[in-house]
Amino acid sequence: MKTIFDKYKDNPDVMFLSHTIDFKYDHPSVLKKYAQKLGVDGPKWQFAYGSKDSIYKIAEKDYLVAVIEDSTAKEGYVHQGWLILIDKQKRIRGAYDGTNPEQVAQLTKDIPVLLAEDKK
């Protein structure tokens, strides 16, 4: 995501939003430090925090991705690492497995297509 961010950080039509699922650890101060470490501390890439119920509901109902707590999992969670492309009308235009380089490459190709549609 950082590579994609760097490519579009100056484009006023592109915004990045990350939702933490680790509601126990990832408080706003922790997310701020993470953003600073990445060099993305600013309005273009927002890191959202919320209660377990609200974040899980957003993941499942709005982005159609699964997330559950699982004490047997390495990080204590099972979740899909999806990157979701959303247009200005808040419609999902693509979903990409963020752990799959081919799908991330497809996202990189789809962003300019979506931006060109907005210019029509």
N, C-alpha and C. Protein backbone atom coordinates (compact mmCIF):
# COMPACT_ATOMS: atom_id res chain seq x y z
N MET A 1 0.83 -1.20 0.00
CA MET A 1 0.00 0.00 0.00
C MET A 1 0.86 1.25 0.00
N LYS A 2 1.99 1.21 0.66
CA LYS A 2 2.84 2.40 0.72
C LYS A 2 3.29 2.80 -0.68
N THR A 3 3.61 1.84 -1.52
CA THR A 3 4.02 2.15 -2.90
C THR A 3 2.89 2.83 -3.66
N ILE A 4 1.68 2.31 -3.49
CA ILE A 4 0.52 2.90 -4.16
C ILE A 4 0.27 4.30 -3.58
N PHE A 5 0.38 4.43 -2.29
CA PHE A 5 0.21 5.74 -1.65
C PHE A 5 1.18 6.75 -2.23
N ASP A 6 2.46 6.36 -2.33
CA ASP A 6 3.47 7.28 -2.84
C ASP A 6 3.15 7.75 -4.26
N LYS A 7 2.56 6.87 -5.03
CA LYS A 7 2.20 7.23 -6.42
C LYS A 7 1.05 8.24 -6.47
N TYR A 8 0.12 8.16 -5.52
CA TYR A 8 -1.09 8.99 -5.57
C TYR A 8 -1.20 10.02 -4.45
N LYS A 9 -0.18 10.19 -3.66
CA LYS A 9 -0.28 11.07 -2.49
C LYS A 9 -0.58 12.53 -2.84
N ASP A 10 -0.26 12.94 -4.05
CA ASP A 10 -0.53 14.32 -4.45
C ASP A 10 -1.79 14.45 -5.29
N ASN A 11 -2.50 13.34 -5.50
CA ASN A 11 -3.71 13.37 -6.30
C ASN A 11 -4.90 13.69 -5.39
N PRO A 12 -5.58 14.81 -5.62
CA PRO A 12 -6.68 15.19 -4.72
C PRO A 12 -7.90 14.26 -4.81
N ASP A 13 -7.94 13.40 -5.82
CA ASP A 13 -9.08 12.50 -6.00
C ASP A 13 -8.87 11.13 -5.36
N VAL A 14 -7.75 10.94 -4.69
CA VAL A 14 -7.44 9.63 -4.09
C VAL A 14 -7.23 9.81 -2.59
N MET A 15 -7.83 8.90 -1.83
CA MET A 15 -7.71 8.90 -0.37
C MET A 15 -7.48 7.46 0.08
N PHE A 16 -6.76 7.28 1.16
CA PHE A 16 -6.49 5.97 1.73
C PHE A 16 -7.07 5.91 3.13
N LEU A 17 -7.69 4.78 3.44
CA LEU A 17 -8.29 4.59 4.75
C LEU A 17 -7.98 3.17 5.22
N SER A 18 -7.40 3.06 6.38
CA SER A 18 -7.11 1.76 6.98
C SER A 18 -7.91 1.65 8.27
N HIS A 19 -8.54 0.50 8.44
CA HIS A 19 -9.28 0.21 9.67
C HIS A 19 -8.49 -0.83 10.45
N THR A 20 -8.18 -0.52 11.71
CA THR A 20 -7.53 -1.52 12.53
C THR A 20 -8.57 -2.52 13.03
N ILE A 21 -8.16 -3.76 13.14
CA ILE A 21 -9.05 -4.76 13.76
C ILE A 21 -8.57 -5.10 15.17
N ASP A 22 -7.40 -4.59 15.51
CA ASP A 22 -6.83 -4.86 16.84
C ASP A 22 -7.26 -3.74 17.79
N PHE A 23 -8.52 -3.77 18.16
CA PHE A 23 -9.11 -2.72 18.99
C PHE A 23 -8.51 -2.67 20.40
N LYS A 24 -7.86 -3.75 20.83
CA LYS A 24 -7.25 -3.79 22.16
C LYS A 24 -5.92 -3.03 22.20
N TYR A 25 -5.19 -3.05 21.11
CA TYR A 25 -3.85 -2.46 21.08
C TYR A 25 -3.77 -1.18 20.25
N ASP A 26 -4.40 -1.18 19.10
CA ASP A 26 -4.25 -0.08 18.14
C ASP A 26 -5.11 1.13 18.49
N HIS A 27 -4.78 1.78 19.58
CA HIS A 27 -5.47 3.02 19.95
C HIS A 27 -4.96 4.15 19.06
N PRO A 28 -5.65 5.27 19.02
CA PRO A 28 -5.24 6.37 18.13
C PRO A 28 -3.77 6.77 18.25
N SER A 29 -3.21 6.79 19.45
CA SER A 29 -1.80 7.17 19.61
C SER A 29 -0.87 6.15 18.95
N VAL A 30 -1.22 4.88 19.03
CA VAL A 30 -0.42 3.82 18.40
C VAL A 30 -0.51 3.95 16.88
N LEU A 31 -1.72 4.19 16.37
CA LEU A 31 -1.90 4.35 14.93
C LEU A 31 -1.16 5.57 14.41
N LYS A 32 -1.15 6.64 15.18
CA LYS A 32 -0.44 7.86 14.79
C LYS A 32 1.06 7.58 14.67
N LYS A 33 1.62 6.87 15.64
CA LYS A 33 3.04 6.51 15.59
C LYS A 33 3.34 5.63 14.38
N TYR A 34 2.43 4.71 14.07
CA TYR A 34 2.61 3.83 12.92
C TYR A 34 2.60 4.65 11.63
N ALA A 35 1.67 5.58 11.51
CA ALA A 35 1.59 6.44 10.33
C ALA A 35 2.87 7.27 10.20
N GLN A 36 3.37 7.79 11.30
CA GLN A 36 4.60 8.57 11.27
C GLN A 36 5.78 7.69 10.84
N LYS A 37 5.83 6.48 11.34
CA LYS A 37 6.90 5.54 10.97
C LYS A 37 6.87 5.26 9.47
N LEU A 38 5.67 5.13 8.91
CA LEU A 38 5.53 4.88 7.47
C LEU A 38 5.78 6.13 6.63
N GLY A 39 5.72 7.29 7.26
CA GLY A 39 5.85 8.54 6.53
C GLY A 39 4.56 8.94 5.84
N VAL A 40 3.43 8.54 6.41
CA VAL A 40 2.13 8.84 5.80
C VAL A 40 1.22 9.59 6.77
N ASP A 41 1.82 10.27 7.72
CA ASP A 41 1.06 10.98 8.74
C ASP A 41 0.50 12.26 8.15
N GLY A 42 -0.75 12.23 7.79
CA GLY A 42 -1.39 13.39 7.19
C GLY A 42 -2.79 13.05 6.75
N PRO A 43 -3.46 13.97 6.11
CA PRO A 43 -4.87 13.77 5.77
C PRO A 43 -5.14 12.79 4.63
N LYS A 44 -4.14 12.43 3.84
CA LYS A 44 -4.36 11.55 2.69
C LYS A 44 -4.54 10.09 3.08
N TRP A 45 -3.98 9.68 4.21
CA TRP A 45 -4.11 8.29 4.64
C TRP A 45 -4.55 8.32 6.09
N GLN A 46 -5.79 7.95 6.30
CA GLN A 46 -6.37 7.95 7.64
C GLN A 46 -6.35 6.53 8.22
N PHE A 47 -6.09 6.45 9.50
CA PHE A 47 -6.09 5.17 10.22
C PHE A 47 -7.23 5.22 11.21
N ALA A 48 -8.24 4.38 11.00
CA ALA A 48 -9.46 4.42 11.80
C ALA A 48 -9.42 3.40 12.93
N TYR A 49 -9.94 3.83 14.06
CA TYR A 49 -10.01 3.02 15.26
C TYR A 49 -11.45 3.05 15.76
N GLY A 50 -11.89 1.97 16.34
CA GLY A 50 -13.22 1.95 16.92
C GLY A 50 -13.40 0.73 17.80
N SER A 51 -14.59 0.60 18.31
CA SER A 51 -14.90 -0.57 19.14
C SER A 51 -14.91 -1.82 18.26
N LYS A 52 -14.78 -2.95 18.91
CA LYS A 52 -14.81 -4.22 18.19
C LYS A 52 -16.08 -4.31 17.35
N ASP A 53 -17.23 -4.05 17.96
CA ASP A 53 -18.50 -4.18 17.24
C ASP A 53 -18.56 -3.27 16.03
N SER A 54 -18.13 -2.02 16.17
CA SER A 54 -18.24 -1.09 15.05
C SER A 54 -17.28 -1.43 13.92
N ILE A 55 -16.05 -1.78 14.25
CA ILE A 55 -15.06 -2.10 13.21
C ILE A 55 -15.42 -3.40 12.50
N TYR A 56 -15.81 -4.42 13.26
CA TYR A 56 -16.18 -5.69 12.64
C TYR A 56 -17.43 -5.52 11.77
N LYS A 57 -18.37 -4.70 12.21
CA LYS A 57 -19.58 -4.46 11.43
C LYS A 57 -19.23 -3.77 10.11
N ILE A 58 -18.36 -2.77 10.16
CA ILE A 58 -17.93 -2.09 8.93
C ILE A 58 -17.27 -3.09 7.98
N ALA A 59 -16.38 -3.92 8.52
CA ALA A 59 -15.69 -4.90 7.68
C ALA A 59 -16.68 -5.84 7.00
N GLU A 60 -17.60 -6.37 7.77
CA GLU A 60 -18.51 -7.39 7.25
C GLU A 60 -19.65 -6.82 6.40
N LYS A 61 -20.24 -5.71 6.83
CA LYS A 61 -21.43 -5.19 6.16
C LYS A 61 -21.10 -4.22 5.02
N ASP A 62 -20.07 -3.39 5.22
CA ASP A 62 -19.76 -2.38 4.22
C ASP A 62 -18.70 -2.83 3.21
N TYR A 63 -17.69 -3.54 3.70
CA TYR A 63 -16.61 -3.97 2.80
C TYR A 63 -16.69 -5.44 2.42
N LEU A 64 -17.64 -6.15 3.03
CA LEU A 64 -17.88 -7.56 2.70
C LEU A 64 -16.65 -8.44 2.90
N VAL A 65 -15.92 -8.19 3.99
CA VAL A 65 -14.77 -9.01 4.33
C VAL A 65 -14.97 -9.62 5.71
N ALA A 66 -14.32 -10.73 5.95
CA ALA A 66 -14.50 -11.45 7.21
C ALA A 66 -13.39 -11.08 8.19
N VAL A 67 -13.77 -11.01 9.48
CA VAL A 67 -12.82 -10.80 10.56
C VAL A 67 -13.42 -11.42 11.83
N ILE A 68 -12.61 -12.21 12.51
CA ILE A 68 -13.04 -12.79 13.78
C ILE A 68 -11.83 -12.91 14.71
N GLU A 69 -12.08 -12.85 16.00
CA GLU A 69 -11.03 -13.11 16.96
C GLU A 69 -10.82 -14.62 17.02
N ASP A 70 -9.54 -15.03 17.10
CA ASP A 70 -9.22 -16.44 17.16
C ASP A 70 -7.94 -16.59 17.98
N SER A 71 -8.07 -17.11 19.18
CA SER A 71 -6.92 -17.22 20.08
C SER A 71 -5.86 -18.18 19.55
N THR A 72 -6.22 -19.04 18.60
CA THR A 72 -5.23 -19.97 18.04
C THR A 72 -4.45 -19.36 16.89
N ALA A 73 -4.90 -18.23 16.36
CA ALA A 73 -4.20 -17.56 15.26
C ALA A 73 -2.99 -16.80 15.81
N LYS A 74 -1.98 -16.63 14.99
CA LYS A 74 -0.73 -15.99 15.40
C LYS A 74 -0.96 -14.62 16.04
N GLU A 75 -1.76 -13.79 15.40
CA GLU A 75 -1.99 -12.44 15.91
C GLU A 75 -3.27 -12.33 16.73
N GLY A 76 -3.96 -13.45 16.91
CA GLY A 76 -5.20 -13.44 17.68
C GLY A 76 -6.44 -13.13 16.86
N TYR A 77 -6.26 -12.98 15.55
CA TYR A 77 -7.37 -12.65 14.65
C TYR A 77 -7.24 -13.46 13.37
N VAL A 78 -8.37 -13.72 12.78
CA VAL A 78 -8.41 -14.26 11.42
C VAL A 78 -9.14 -13.19 10.61
N HIS A 79 -8.48 -12.71 9.58
CA HIS A 79 -9.11 -11.68 8.75
C HIS A 79 -8.58 -11.77 7.33
N GLN A 80 -9.36 -11.23 6.46
CA GLN A 80 -8.95 -11.16 5.06
C GLN A 80 -8.19 -9.86 4.87
N GLY A 81 -7.04 -9.94 4.25
CA GLY A 81 -6.23 -8.75 4.02
C GLY A 81 -6.60 -8.05 2.73
N TRP A 82 -7.87 -7.78 2.58
CA TRP A 82 -8.35 -7.19 1.33
C TRP A 82 -8.10 -5.69 1.27
N LEU A 83 -7.76 -5.26 0.08
CA LEU A 83 -7.68 -3.84 -0.26
C LEU A 83 -8.91 -3.57 -1.11
N ILE A 84 -9.69 -2.59 -0.74
CA ILE A 84 -10.97 -2.32 -1.39
C ILE A 84 -10.88 -0.99 -2.13
N LEU A 85 -11.26 -0.99 -3.39
CA LEU A 85 -11.29 0.22 -4.21
C LEU A 85 -12.73 0.72 -4.24
N ILE A 86 -12.92 1.96 -3.78
CA ILE A 86 -14.26 2.53 -3.66
C ILE A 86 -14.31 3.82 -4.46
N ASP A 87 -15.39 4.00 -5.21
CA ASP A 87 -15.51 5.22 -6.02
C ASP A 87 -16.14 6.35 -5.20
N LYS A 88 -16.29 7.50 -5.83
CA LYS A 88 -16.81 8.68 -5.12
C LYS A 88 -18.27 8.53 -4.71
N GLN A 89 -18.98 7.59 -5.32
CA GLN A 89 -20.36 7.33 -4.93
C GLN A 89 -20.46 6.26 -3.85
N LYS A 90 -19.30 5.89 -3.27
CA LYS A 90 -19.19 4.92 -2.18
C LYS A 90 -19.57 3.51 -2.61
N ARG A 91 -19.33 3.20 -3.89
CA ARG A 91 -19.56 1.85 -4.40
C ARG A 91 -18.24 1.10 -4.45
N ILE A 92 -18.28 -0.17 -4.08
CA ILE A 92 -17.09 -1.01 -4.19
C ILE A 92 -16.85 -1.29 -5.67
N ARG A 93 -15.65 -0.94 -6.13
CA ARG A 93 -15.30 -1.14 -7.53
C ARG A 93 -14.29 -2.26 -7.72
N GLY A 94 -13.71 -2.72 -6.63
CA GLY A 94 -12.77 -3.83 -6.72
C GLY A 94 -12.35 -4.26 -5.33
N ALA A 95 -11.99 -5.53 -5.22
CA ALA A 95 -11.47 -6.08 -3.97
C ALA A 95 -10.25 -6.93 -4.33
N TYR A 96 -9.18 -6.71 -3.61
CA TYR A 96 -7.89 -7.30 -3.96
C TYR A 96 -7.24 -7.88 -2.72
N ASP A 97 -6.72 -9.07 -2.84
CA ASP A 97 -6.01 -9.70 -1.73
C ASP A 97 -4.67 -8.99 -1.57
N GLY A 98 -4.53 -8.25 -0.48
CA GLY A 98 -3.32 -7.47 -0.25
C GLY A 98 -2.07 -8.30 -0.03
N THR A 99 -2.22 -9.62 0.14
CA THR A 99 -1.07 -10.51 0.31
C THR A 99 -0.66 -11.17 -1.01
N ASN A 100 -1.41 -10.88 -2.07
CA ASN A 100 -1.15 -11.48 -3.38
C ASN A 100 -0.60 -10.41 -4.32
N PRO A 101 0.69 -10.50 -4.70
CA PRO A 101 1.29 -9.47 -5.55
C PRO A 101 0.56 -9.25 -6.88
N GLU A 102 0.00 -10.30 -7.45
CA GLU A 102 -0.73 -10.15 -8.70
C GLU A 102 -2.00 -9.32 -8.51
N GLN A 103 -2.67 -9.52 -7.40
CA GLN A 103 -3.89 -8.75 -7.15
C GLN A 103 -3.57 -7.30 -6.79
N VAL A 104 -2.48 -7.08 -6.09
CA VAL A 104 -2.06 -5.71 -5.80
C VAL A 104 -1.69 -5.00 -7.10
N ALA A 105 -1.04 -5.72 -8.02
CA ALA A 105 -0.72 -5.15 -9.33
C ALA A 105 -1.99 -4.79 -10.09
N GLN A 106 -3.02 -5.63 -9.96
CA GLN A 106 -4.29 -5.32 -10.62
C GLN A 106 -4.93 -4.07 -10.03
N LEU A 107 -4.86 -3.92 -8.71
CA LEU A 107 -5.35 -2.70 -8.07
C LEU A 107 -4.62 -1.49 -8.64
N THR A 108 -3.31 -1.61 -8.79
CA THR A 108 -2.51 -0.51 -9.33
C THR A 108 -2.96 -0.15 -10.74
N LYS A 109 -3.40 -1.12 -11.51
CA LYS A 109 -3.92 -0.87 -12.87
C LYS A 109 -5.33 -0.30 -12.84
N ASP A 110 -6.12 -0.69 -11.85
CA ASP A 110 -7.53 -0.28 -11.80
C ASP A 110 -7.73 1.15 -11.29
N ILE A 111 -6.82 1.65 -10.49
CA ILE A 111 -6.98 3.00 -9.95
C ILE A 111 -7.03 4.05 -11.07
N PRO A 112 -6.09 4.05 -12.02
CA PRO A 112 -6.17 5.05 -13.08
C PRO A 112 -7.41 4.90 -13.96
N VAL A 113 -7.92 3.68 -14.11
CA VAL A 113 -9.15 3.47 -14.87
C VAL A 113 -10.31 4.17 -14.17
N LEU A 114 -10.40 3.98 -12.86
CA LEU A 114 -11.46 4.64 -12.08
C LEU A 114 -11.31 6.16 -12.12
N LEU A 115 -10.09 6.64 -12.00
CA LEU A 115 -9.87 8.08 -12.05
C LEU A 115 -10.26 8.67 -13.41
N ALA A 116 -10.01 7.93 -14.47
CA ALA A 116 -10.38 8.39 -15.82
C ALA A 116 -11.89 8.44 -15.96
N GLU A 117 -12.61 7.50 -15.35
CA GLU A 117 -14.08 7.50 -15.39
C GLU A 117 -14.63 8.75 -14.74
N ASP A 118 -14.00 9.17 -13.64
CA ASP A 118 -14.47 10.36 -12.92
C ASP A 118 -14.28 11.63 -13.73
N LYS A 119 -13.36 11.61 -14.69
CA LYS A 119 -13.07 12.80 -15.48
C LYS A 119 -14.05 12.96 -16.64
N LYS A 120 -14.82 11.92 -16.95
CA LYS A 120 -15.75 11.97 -18.09
C LYS A 120 -16.93 12.84 -17.80
